[in-house]
Amino acid sequence: MTRERTLRAAGPGSVGAMKNWRYIGLHTVAAAAFIFLLQRFVLHASLESCLLWALVLGGCAAGLAYSQSNR
C-alpha cells in the first residue's frame, strides 16, 4: 500500500493524524524526562545544564519521531 492511498483513506484531519502527534509528543516528553533525570540524579549536573540538555534532546527526539511517523 502506498502512502497516497493511506492518506486518502484516512483523510485530512482524521484520527490517524492525531495519533501521530500524540506519538511525537510522548516520544519528546519521554526523551526529555529521561535525559533530565539521568543528568540530575546520576551525573549530578546543575539544574540549568539539565534543563538545557533536556530541551535539546527532547527537540531531537521530536524531530526523529516526526520523520519516522511520515514514512
Protein backbone atom coordinates (compact mmCIF):
# COMPACT_ATOMS: atom_id res chain seq x y z
CA MET A 1 0.00 0.00 0.00
CA THR A 2 1.44 3.35 -0.94
CA ARG A 3 1.44 6.41 1.20
CA GLU A 4 -1.00 8.22 -1.08
CA ARG A 5 -3.63 5.53 -0.59
CA THR A 6 -3.18 5.68 3.15
CA LEU A 7 -3.61 9.45 3.22
CA ARG A 8 -6.69 9.28 1.00
CA ALA A 9 -8.24 6.59 3.18
CA ALA A 10 -7.56 8.46 6.42
CA GLY A 11 -8.45 11.89 5.09
CA PRO A 12 -7.13 15.21 6.33
CA GLY A 13 -7.79 15.99 9.97
CA SER A 14 -8.72 12.43 10.87
CA VAL A 15 -7.88 10.46 13.99
CA GLY A 16 -4.80 8.97 12.28
CA ALA A 17 -3.12 12.38 12.20
CA MET A 18 -3.89 12.92 15.88
CA LYS A 19 -2.27 9.60 16.79
CA ASN A 20 0.91 10.75 15.03
CA TRP A 21 1.04 13.99 17.04
CA ARG A 22 0.35 12.09 20.25
CA TYR A 23 3.19 9.68 19.42
CA ILE A 24 5.55 12.59 18.71
CA GLY A 25 4.60 14.32 21.95
CA LEU A 26 5.04 11.21 24.06
CA HIS A 27 8.39 10.49 22.45
CA THR A 28 9.54 14.05 23.16
CA VAL A 29 8.42 14.02 26.80
CA ALA A 30 9.91 10.59 27.47
CA ALA A 31 13.29 11.51 25.99
CA ALA A 32 13.42 14.86 27.80
CA ALA A 33 12.44 13.30 31.14
CA PHE A 34 14.99 10.51 30.74
CA ILE A 35 17.90 12.82 29.98
CA PHE A 36 16.86 15.26 32.73
CA LEU A 37 16.74 12.51 35.36
CA LEU A 38 19.98 10.99 34.12
CA GLN A 39 21.82 14.31 34.22
CA ARG A 40 20.34 15.48 37.52
CA PHE A 41 20.49 12.38 39.71
CA VAL A 42 23.11 10.12 38.14
CA LEU A 43 25.64 12.64 36.83
CA HIS A 44 24.85 15.36 39.43
CA ALA A 45 24.80 18.20 36.89
CA SER A 46 23.41 21.65 37.64
CA LEU A 47 19.72 22.37 37.13
CA GLU A 48 20.39 24.77 34.24
CA SER A 49 22.53 22.22 32.45
CA CYS A 50 19.92 19.50 32.96
CA LEU A 51 17.14 21.67 31.57
CA LEU A 52 19.21 22.71 28.58
CA TRP A 53 20.12 19.13 27.68
CA ALA A 54 16.51 18.00 28.19
CA LEU A 55 15.29 20.74 25.85
CA VAL A 56 17.87 19.97 23.16
CA LEU A 57 17.47 16.20 23.23
CA GLY A 58 13.69 16.49 23.51
CA GLY A 59 13.73 18.55 20.32
CA CYS A 60 15.92 15.96 18.61
CA ALA A 61 13.56 13.20 19.73
CA ALA A 62 10.61 15.16 18.35
CA GLY A 63 12.35 15.52 15.00
CA LEU A 64 13.16 11.82 14.91
CA ALA A 65 9.61 10.81 15.83
CA TYR A 66 8.22 13.19 13.20
CA SER A 67 10.42 11.76 10.49
CA GLN A 68 9.52 8.20 11.48
CA SER A 69 5.79 8.93 11.54
CA ASN A 70 5.93 10.29 7.99
CA ARG A 71 7.43 7.13 6.49
